[in-house]
Amino acid sequence: MTKAWKDKISTIQQIGGIEISVLDNGPARGSRIAWVNTGSGLRYKVAIDRGLDIVDAFYNQHSLAWLSDGGLTVPRPDANCGLEWLYAFAGGLLTTCGLTHVGGPESDENEIRGLHGRISNIPAAVESVIQPNPASGTMDMSITAVIRQSRVFGPHLELRRTLTSTLGEPAITICDEVTNRGNTPCPHMILYHCNFGWPLVDEGADIVYEGTCRSRGMDADDELFSKKHDYKKCQKPMASHRGAGEACGFIDVSPDADGFCHVGLVNSRRNLALTMKYEKRQLPALTNWQHWGPGEYVCALEPGTHFPIGQNKARQSGDLIMLEPGQTRKYRLEIRAVAV
């Protein structure tokens, strides 16, 4: 950002920054949120009481994220059985899944696990909010918080998350550290459920990645993720996707020479695009969720340590990550809006 603002503003809020507030109406009443304005046309709402996930997101006049009809709600720590998670699923630019399980409901001799785990229904403990200060050369703004997924007798996983943006740049960087604070090894899976909606997602918009895609394996997946369809193009609303109609593709992304994956969406008709960048070694699996339901129209790109196959299948295949006591795994994901 140039210094065109010098001597012309009274407060940084004229350009951008972070505003913390509490919602006072609807199903999320009493929830803490943070509005982040990057001063570049990108602004987004952080759900502090929902694991520091990101809900609404806009670039200039365009909405980027898909929002469910139920929208943001108060956290539901009890929503970890069957499909209860869906009652509290706001959609949004980022819903975190994990930290011990991603995928459908399942059980074993130790526990019953609901859809996509617990982490998105746990409030965050904020450690710091840093505002930009261009006068002193500080252009970054950030929120850092800790989310603890813990119970007596384990597991005890800690997610330390920092969301960072830079004044004048239409980008968000998510930096996560997951640590086993318990005294026994703990299963670990994480998936970044990034949900995009109209007008970014529209008929004919391109789903962009380099790599190979295979169907998840269900009948609806096989129908859409096949040679009969250009599954890298967003579809028009489909009657077959009413209700629970959906399709998923599992993608093995080809990284660049430095090991980074670059994926996203391009809507040429609106001169609008969104890109995601992350390291393949950290997040080797990318899921593409396509749900073209009339009035419930969404395309998601979901980098993760695993495809959403569940803890049991990951264990059977030998791919389940076990974090030793004190061990930490780090993840970094950059989301950027682009005018094309």
Protein backbone atom coordinates (compact mmCIF):
# COMPACT_ATOMS: atom_id res chain seq x y z
CA MET A 1 0.00 0.00 0.00
CA THR A 2 1.37 3.40 -0.92
CA LYS A 3 1.64 6.24 1.58
CA ALA A 4 -1.16 8.20 -0.10
CA TRP A 5 -2.91 8.15 3.29
CA LYS A 6 -0.10 10.11 5.02
CA ASP A 7 -1.43 13.15 6.92
CA LYS A 8 -4.93 12.45 5.56
CA ILE A 9 -6.45 10.04 8.13
CA SER A 10 -7.29 10.39 11.81
CA THR A 11 -7.43 6.67 12.65
CA ILE A 12 -6.27 3.45 11.05
CA GLN A 13 -9.91 2.27 10.92
CA GLN A 14 -10.34 4.50 7.86
CA ILE A 15 -8.02 2.11 6.01
CA GLY A 16 -8.49 -1.26 7.70
CA GLY A 17 -7.90 -3.26 10.85
CA ILE A 18 -9.64 -5.67 13.21
CA GLU A 19 -12.87 -5.00 15.08
CA ILE A 20 -13.97 -7.36 17.88
CA SER A 21 -17.65 -7.58 18.78
CA VAL A 22 -20.36 -9.85 20.21
CA LEU A 23 -23.42 -10.88 18.20
CA ASP A 24 -26.73 -9.94 19.81
CA ASN A 25 -29.37 -11.71 17.76
CA GLY A 26 -30.22 -15.04 16.16
CA PRO A 27 -28.74 -18.51 16.72
CA ALA A 28 -25.23 -17.11 17.34
CA ARG A 29 -26.35 -14.62 19.99
CA GLY A 30 -23.59 -14.05 22.55
CA SER A 31 -20.84 -15.31 20.23
CA ARG A 32 -17.60 -13.37 19.83
CA ILE A 33 -16.57 -12.43 16.31
CA ALA A 34 -13.86 -10.34 14.67
CA TRP A 35 -14.31 -8.40 11.44
CA VAL A 36 -11.03 -8.10 9.57
CA ASN A 37 -10.75 -5.38 6.91
CA THR A 38 -7.57 -5.65 4.86
CA GLY A 39 -8.07 -2.30 3.13
CA SER A 40 -7.69 -4.08 -0.21
CA GLY A 41 -11.33 -4.95 -0.84
CA LEU A 42 -11.03 -8.23 1.12
CA ARG A 43 -12.87 -8.35 4.43
CA TYR A 44 -13.90 -11.38 6.47
CA LYS A 45 -15.60 -12.43 9.70
CA VAL A 46 -13.79 -14.64 12.20
CA ALA A 47 -15.90 -16.81 14.51
CA ILE A 48 -13.86 -16.71 17.72
CA ASP A 49 -16.25 -19.03 19.54
CA ARG A 50 -16.12 -21.55 16.69
CA GLY A 51 -12.44 -22.46 16.74
CA LEU A 52 -11.29 -19.21 15.06
CA ASP A 53 -12.87 -20.33 11.80
CA ILE A 54 -13.82 -17.86 9.06
CA VAL A 55 -17.45 -17.39 8.03
CA ASP A 56 -18.44 -14.47 5.77
CA ALA A 57 -15.84 -13.23 3.26
CA PHE A 58 -16.12 -10.53 0.60
CA TYR A 59 -13.85 -9.14 -2.10
CA ASN A 60 -15.07 -5.72 -3.19
CA GLN A 61 -18.79 -6.23 -3.88
CA HIS A 62 -18.52 -9.99 -4.33
CA SER A 63 -19.25 -12.64 -1.72
CA LEU A 64 -16.69 -15.45 -1.77
CA ALA A 65 -18.06 -17.93 0.75
CA TRP A 66 -21.07 -20.19 0.78
CA LEU A 67 -23.20 -19.76 3.91
CA SER A 68 -25.65 -22.43 5.01
CA ASP A 69 -29.27 -21.57 5.66
CA GLY A 70 -28.73 -22.07 9.40
CA GLY A 71 -25.72 -19.76 9.37
CA LEU A 72 -23.43 -19.18 12.30
CA THR A 73 -24.60 -20.65 15.62
CA VAL A 74 -23.26 -20.82 19.13
CA PRO A 75 -20.79 -23.70 19.57
CA ARG A 76 -22.30 -27.17 19.93
CA PRO A 77 -19.72 -29.26 21.84
CA ASP A 78 -22.30 -32.05 22.01
CA ALA A 79 -22.62 -32.26 18.20
CA ASN A 80 -20.31 -35.25 17.85
CA CYS A 81 -22.69 -38.09 17.19
CA GLY A 82 -24.06 -39.13 13.83
CA LEU A 83 -24.78 -36.13 11.59
CA GLU A 84 -25.45 -33.63 14.41
CA TRP A 85 -22.46 -31.61 13.14
CA LEU A 86 -24.59 -30.50 10.18
CA TYR A 87 -26.99 -28.61 12.46
CA ALA A 88 -24.13 -26.28 13.43
CA PHE A 89 -22.37 -26.18 10.04
CA ALA A 90 -22.35 -22.55 8.91
CA GLY A 91 -20.40 -23.30 5.76
CA GLY A 92 -18.22 -20.22 5.49
CA LEU A 93 -14.81 -19.63 4.01
CA LEU A 94 -13.19 -22.04 6.49
CA THR A 95 -14.61 -24.69 8.79
CA THR A 96 -11.91 -26.78 10.44
CA CYS A 97 -12.50 -30.54 10.71
CA GLY A 98 -10.65 -32.80 13.15
CA LEU A 99 -8.51 -32.92 15.19
CA THR A 100 -8.70 -36.69 15.61
CA HIS A 101 -11.26 -37.61 12.93
CA VAL A 102 -12.40 -36.33 9.51
CA GLY A 103 -15.15 -38.08 7.62
CA GLY A 104 -18.50 -39.68 8.33
CA PRO A 105 -19.83 -41.04 11.63
CA GLU A 106 -18.08 -44.15 12.95
CA SER A 107 -17.16 -45.95 16.13
CA ASP A 108 -14.64 -48.37 17.58
CA GLU A 109 -13.98 -49.98 20.96
CA ASN A 110 -12.84 -46.64 22.39
CA GLU A 111 -15.44 -44.08 21.29
CA ILE A 112 -18.26 -42.97 19.01
CA ARG A 113 -17.22 -40.30 16.51
CA GLY A 114 -19.59 -37.97 14.68
CA LEU A 115 -19.17 -36.31 11.31
CA HIS A 116 -15.89 -34.34 10.99
CA GLY A 117 -14.94 -34.24 14.66
CA ARG A 118 -15.20 -31.67 17.43
CA ILE A 119 -12.76 -28.84 16.79
CA SER A 120 -15.11 -26.42 14.99
CA ASN A 121 -17.47 -26.45 17.97
CA ILE A 122 -14.90 -25.40 20.57
CA PRO A 123 -14.48 -21.72 21.57
CA ALA A 124 -11.02 -20.21 21.22
CA ALA A 125 -9.01 -18.53 23.98
CA VAL A 126 -7.61 -15.37 22.37
CA GLU A 127 -3.95 -14.71 23.12
CA SER A 128 -3.37 -11.59 21.03
CA VAL A 129 -4.93 -9.17 18.56
CA ILE A 130 -2.37 -7.10 16.66
CA GLN A 131 -3.53 -4.08 14.69
CA PRO A 132 -1.67 -2.61 11.72
CA ASN A 133 0.23 0.63 12.30
CA PRO A 134 1.48 2.05 9.00
CA ALA A 135 3.02 5.07 10.73
CA SER A 136 5.53 2.74 12.41
CA GLY A 137 5.88 0.46 9.40
CA THR A 138 3.66 -2.33 10.75
CA MET A 139 1.38 -3.43 7.94
CA ASP A 140 0.36 -6.86 9.29
CA MET A 141 -2.71 -7.52 11.42
CA SER A 142 -3.35 -10.81 13.19
CA ILE A 143 -5.37 -12.79 15.71
CA THR A 144 -3.77 -15.63 17.68
CA ALA A 145 -5.80 -18.02 19.81
CA VAL A 146 -5.66 -21.48 21.36
CA ILE A 147 -8.36 -24.12 20.96
CA ARG A 148 -8.16 -27.17 23.21
CA GLN A 149 -9.79 -30.47 22.31
CA SER A 150 -9.45 -32.27 25.60
CA ARG A 151 -11.15 -34.70 27.95
CA VAL A 152 -10.25 -36.55 31.14
CA PHE A 153 -8.22 -39.67 30.24
CA GLY A 154 -7.41 -38.09 26.85
CA PRO A 155 -7.07 -37.08 24.13
CA HIS A 156 -5.50 -33.68 24.87
CA LEU A 157 -4.84 -31.86 21.61
CA GLU A 158 -4.07 -28.15 21.42
CA LEU A 159 -4.53 -26.09 18.27
CA ARG A 160 -2.69 -22.75 18.28
CA ARG A 161 -3.98 -20.72 15.34
CA THR A 162 -2.85 -17.38 13.92
CA LEU A 163 -4.82 -15.62 11.20
CA THR A 164 -2.75 -12.93 9.49
CA SER A 165 -3.50 -10.35 6.81
CA THR A 166 -1.45 -7.45 5.48
CA LEU A 167 -2.90 -3.99 4.97
CA GLY A 168 -3.40 -3.48 1.26
CA GLU A 169 -3.23 -7.18 0.29
CA PRO A 170 -6.34 -9.33 -0.40
CA ALA A 171 -5.03 -12.43 1.38
CA ILE A 172 -5.40 -14.46 4.56
CA THR A 173 -2.71 -16.71 6.00
CA ILE A 174 -3.76 -19.46 8.42
CA CYS A 175 -0.87 -20.79 10.51
CA ASP A 176 -1.75 -23.74 12.76
CA GLU A 177 0.23 -25.73 15.29
CA VAL A 178 -1.33 -28.92 16.64
CA THR A 179 0.33 -30.31 19.78
CA ASN A 180 -0.37 -33.43 21.80
CA ARG A 181 -0.50 -32.16 25.39
CA GLY A 182 -1.42 -35.58 26.73
CA ASN A 183 0.80 -38.34 28.07
CA THR A 184 -0.10 -41.03 25.51
CA PRO A 185 0.03 -41.15 21.68
CA CYS A 186 -3.03 -39.59 20.04
CA PRO A 187 -4.64 -40.04 16.59
CA HIS A 188 -4.57 -36.90 14.46
CA MET A 189 -6.42 -35.86 11.30
CA ILE A 190 -7.18 -32.32 10.07
CA LEU A 191 -9.07 -30.99 7.07
CA TYR A 192 -9.67 -27.38 5.99
CA HIS A 193 -13.27 -27.34 4.74
CA CYS A 194 -13.19 -24.21 2.51
CA ASN A 195 -16.65 -23.51 1.10
CA PHE A 196 -17.20 -21.20 -1.87
CA GLY A 197 -20.48 -19.84 -3.15
CA TRP A 198 -22.18 -17.49 -5.59
CA PRO A 199 -21.15 -15.23 -7.26
CA LEU A 200 -17.59 -16.62 -7.22
CA VAL A 201 -19.10 -20.05 -7.87
CA ASP A 202 -21.36 -19.96 -10.89
CA GLU A 203 -22.15 -22.08 -13.91
CA GLY A 204 -19.04 -22.32 -16.10
CA ALA A 205 -16.54 -21.12 -13.49
CA ASP A 206 -13.32 -23.13 -13.51
CA ILE A 207 -12.09 -25.35 -10.66
CA VAL A 208 -8.33 -25.09 -11.04
CA TYR A 209 -5.63 -27.56 -10.02
CA GLU A 210 -2.93 -29.71 -11.56
CA GLY A 211 -3.10 -33.37 -10.68
CA THR A 212 -5.29 -36.45 -10.85
CA CYS A 213 -8.82 -36.78 -9.52
CA ARG A 214 -10.76 -39.92 -8.67
CA SER A 215 -14.31 -40.40 -7.53
CA ARG A 216 -14.91 -40.96 -3.82
CA GLY A 217 -16.67 -44.12 -4.96
CA MET A 218 -20.36 -43.61 -4.27
CA ASP A 219 -22.87 -43.76 -7.14
CA ALA A 220 -23.42 -39.98 -7.23
CA ASP A 221 -19.65 -39.41 -7.15
CA ASP A 222 -19.08 -41.83 -10.02
CA GLU A 223 -21.77 -40.09 -12.07
CA LEU A 224 -20.30 -36.60 -11.76
CA PHE A 225 -16.58 -37.38 -11.47
CA SER A 226 -16.41 -39.32 -14.72
CA LYS A 227 -15.54 -38.72 -18.35
CA LYS A 228 -19.21 -37.87 -18.99
CA HIS A 229 -18.80 -34.52 -17.20
CA ASP A 230 -16.25 -31.74 -17.09
CA TYR A 231 -16.00 -31.92 -13.31
CA LYS A 232 -13.49 -29.02 -13.33
CA LYS A 233 -16.32 -26.71 -14.36
CA CYS A 234 -18.96 -25.49 -11.91
CA GLN A 235 -22.36 -26.89 -12.86
CA LYS A 236 -25.76 -25.23 -12.99
CA PRO A 237 -28.20 -26.12 -10.16
CA MET A 238 -29.08 -29.81 -10.46
CA ALA A 239 -32.36 -31.45 -9.46
CA SER A 240 -30.43 -34.60 -8.50
CA HIS A 241 -28.60 -32.57 -5.83
CA ARG A 242 -31.75 -31.58 -3.96
CA GLY A 243 -31.65 -32.67 -0.32
CA ALA A 244 -28.56 -34.78 0.35
CA GLY A 245 -27.48 -34.99 -3.30
CA GLU A 246 -23.75 -34.34 -3.60
CA ALA A 247 -20.53 -35.60 -5.15
CA CYS A 248 -16.93 -35.75 -3.97
CA GLY A 249 -13.67 -36.14 -5.81
CA PHE A 250 -10.36 -37.07 -4.20
CA ILE A 251 -7.47 -35.17 -5.80
CA ASP A 252 -3.74 -35.88 -5.77
CA VAL A 253 -2.42 -32.39 -6.52
CA SER A 254 0.88 -32.01 -8.35
CA PRO A 255 3.02 -29.52 -6.39
CA ASP A 256 5.38 -26.96 -7.91
CA ALA A 257 9.18 -27.27 -7.78
CA ASP A 258 9.19 -25.90 -4.21
CA GLY A 259 6.61 -28.39 -2.97
CA PHE A 260 3.61 -26.03 -2.90
CA CYS A 261 0.14 -26.84 -4.18
CA HIS A 262 -1.81 -24.10 -6.00
CA VAL A 263 -5.56 -24.63 -6.36
CA GLY A 264 -8.58 -22.37 -6.69
CA LEU A 265 -11.55 -21.08 -8.64
CA VAL A 266 -11.68 -18.69 -11.60
CA ASN A 267 -14.87 -16.92 -12.68
CA SER A 268 -13.85 -15.18 -15.90
CA ARG A 269 -17.28 -13.66 -16.45
CA ARG A 270 -16.91 -11.70 -13.22
CA ASN A 271 -13.15 -11.17 -13.51
CA LEU A 272 -12.86 -12.84 -10.12
CA ALA A 273 -10.68 -15.63 -8.79
CA LEU A 274 -9.60 -17.19 -5.52
CA THR A 275 -6.38 -19.11 -4.96
CA MET A 276 -5.18 -21.40 -2.20
CA LYS A 277 -1.52 -22.22 -1.54
CA TYR A 278 -0.18 -24.86 0.84
CA GLU A 279 2.63 -27.38 1.16
CA LYS A 280 1.97 -30.85 -0.22
CA ARG A 281 4.02 -32.51 2.54
CA GLN A 282 1.76 -30.93 5.19
CA LEU A 283 -1.58 -31.45 3.44
CA PRO A 284 -1.26 -34.25 0.86
CA ALA A 285 -5.00 -34.82 0.25
CA LEU A 286 -7.43 -32.43 -1.50
CA THR A 287 -11.16 -33.12 -1.55
CA ASN A 288 -13.51 -31.38 -3.97
CA TRP A 289 -17.09 -31.30 -2.65
CA GLN A 290 -19.67 -30.37 -5.27
CA HIS A 291 -23.23 -29.80 -4.07
CA TRP A 292 -25.24 -28.13 -6.82
CA GLY A 293 -28.57 -28.15 -4.99
CA PRO A 294 -31.10 -25.47 -6.01
CA GLY A 295 -30.87 -22.85 -3.25
CA GLU A 296 -27.99 -24.78 -1.66
CA TYR A 297 -25.25 -24.25 -4.23
CA VAL A 298 -21.67 -24.79 -3.10
CA CYS A 299 -18.26 -25.92 -4.26
CA ALA A 300 -15.65 -26.72 -1.62
CA LEU A 301 -11.91 -27.32 -1.86
CA GLU A 302 -10.64 -29.09 1.24
CA PRO A 303 -6.90 -29.61 1.81
CA GLY A 304 -6.20 -32.13 4.54
CA THR A 305 -3.82 -34.62 6.05
CA HIS A 306 -6.29 -37.24 4.82
CA PHE A 307 -9.30 -37.52 2.58
CA PRO A 308 -12.49 -37.61 4.72
CA ILE A 309 -12.40 -41.39 5.10
CA GLY A 310 -12.54 -41.56 8.89
CA GLN A 311 -10.14 -42.67 11.55
CA ASN A 312 -10.90 -46.37 11.15
CA LYS A 313 -10.03 -46.57 7.44
CA ALA A 314 -6.94 -44.40 7.93
CA ARG A 315 -5.76 -46.78 10.65
CA GLN A 316 -6.45 -49.84 8.50
CA SER A 317 -4.47 -48.39 5.59
CA GLY A 318 -1.57 -47.45 7.85
CA ASP A 319 -2.00 -43.72 7.10
CA LEU A 320 -3.34 -42.56 10.47
CA ILE A 321 -1.04 -40.01 12.09
CA MET A 322 -0.18 -40.71 15.72
CA LEU A 323 1.14 -37.71 17.65
CA GLU A 324 3.49 -38.64 20.46
CA PRO A 325 3.25 -36.73 23.78
CA GLY A 326 4.62 -33.23 23.23
CA GLN A 327 4.83 -33.66 19.45
CA THR A 328 3.69 -30.76 17.23
CA ARG A 329 2.65 -30.67 13.59
CA LYS A 330 2.49 -27.35 11.71
CA TYR A 331 0.20 -26.32 8.84
CA ARG A 332 0.07 -23.19 6.71
CA LEU A 333 -2.63 -22.24 4.22
CA GLU A 334 -2.86 -19.00 2.23
CA ILE A 335 -6.16 -17.87 0.67
CA ARG A 336 -6.01 -14.95 -1.78
CA ALA A 337 -8.67 -13.10 -3.78
CA VAL A 338 -7.64 -12.02 -7.26
CA ALA A 339 -9.13 -9.71 -9.88
CA VAL A 340 -8.55 -11.34 -13.30
